[in-house]
Amino acid sequence: MSETPQKEETNLSVEIAGVQFQNPILTASGTFGYGLEYADFIDLNRLGGIIVKGLSIKPSHGNSPPRIVETASGMLNAIGLQNIGVEAFINEKLPLLKKFNTKIIVNFFGDTQDEYVLAAERFNDVTEVAALEMNISCPNVEKGGLAFGTNPEITEELVRKVKKITSLPLIVKLSPNVTDIVVMAKAAANGGADALSIINTLLGMAIDVHSRRPMLANITGGLSGPAIKPVALRMVWQVAKTVNIPIIGIGGIMNAQDALEFIIAGASVVQVGTGNFIDPSISIKILDGINDYCEKNDISNINDLIGTLKV
């Protein structure tokens, strides 16, 4: 009697810019702290990667409260990029993070081009960091407060400057608050970006009708969660058709189907963000769901699913 051949396990590993991720599930910057905060809730070793909350050269206290407001199918945040600064992260957080078998990606930002360059350069000799993710949705104080990520010329210039000095793969996180995301994607790619994270939060606001005042002290904030998923998905699909660098999909991913939609639209990996606030174990549940989908559909390699949308 012949034995039934064992079914091969699905290969979920994905490579981006020379970085090998064990699976396509990353945690989004600003929603997962420095990663250590979730160690008691999930096995961090199972994640493809952790993207730590945004870091700047100097520590920042962020904006005044209230800084978070729940909205229909989402949330608004105006945290203001509060963080402990690059040096404190390297000295205090990274020694603890390196104990885990997952890729560590540093999200960073600055108010000027020089601050971006200094922050990126500081990680050149930090072997525990696999890649950098550059947040370009920040006000450019040298240009009157216009966000770096809303001007293609400034975006290309900034990406080129940072790429020139960093030894790490550079992921550029794009803002959706632009007229044409494809133009911004091309600008980042032309500047030398190794990959693109699409998208950052959409600008929104909420009003207390009783006091007739904004519900956020900052008045406006970034909208995230399921409400933005259709917009994010559309932007990932548009960019995937026009640039030849990997895309990381972000925006309202709450379950395996959401993640799979982004992968089919053209994202090589995805980031789980707002869902972490609702269920600390959501990223692992999404990973398990993707694995189940692949097994049921005889997909032996997750890479075979990327960008397979039929139109």
Foldseek 3Di string as FASTA:
>chain_A
DDDDDDDAFAQQWFDFPNDIFSHQEEADAPFCAQVPVLVVPDQPLPGSEYEHHEAWQAFDQFDDDPAWDADVQWIFGRRRRGDHHQVCCLVPPLVVVLVHNHAYEYEYEDLELVRLQVSQLVCQPVVRHQAYEYEQQFFNVVVVGPGQQADLVSLLVSLLSNVVRHPHQYEYEHEPPYPALQSSLVSNVNSPHREYEFHWFDKDWDADPVVRHTNGPVRIGGIAALVCLVVRLVSLLVNQVPDDHAYEGEGRDQALVSQLSSQLSAHSHYHDGPNCVVRVCRSVRNVVVVSVVCVVVVNRYSNVRGNNDDD
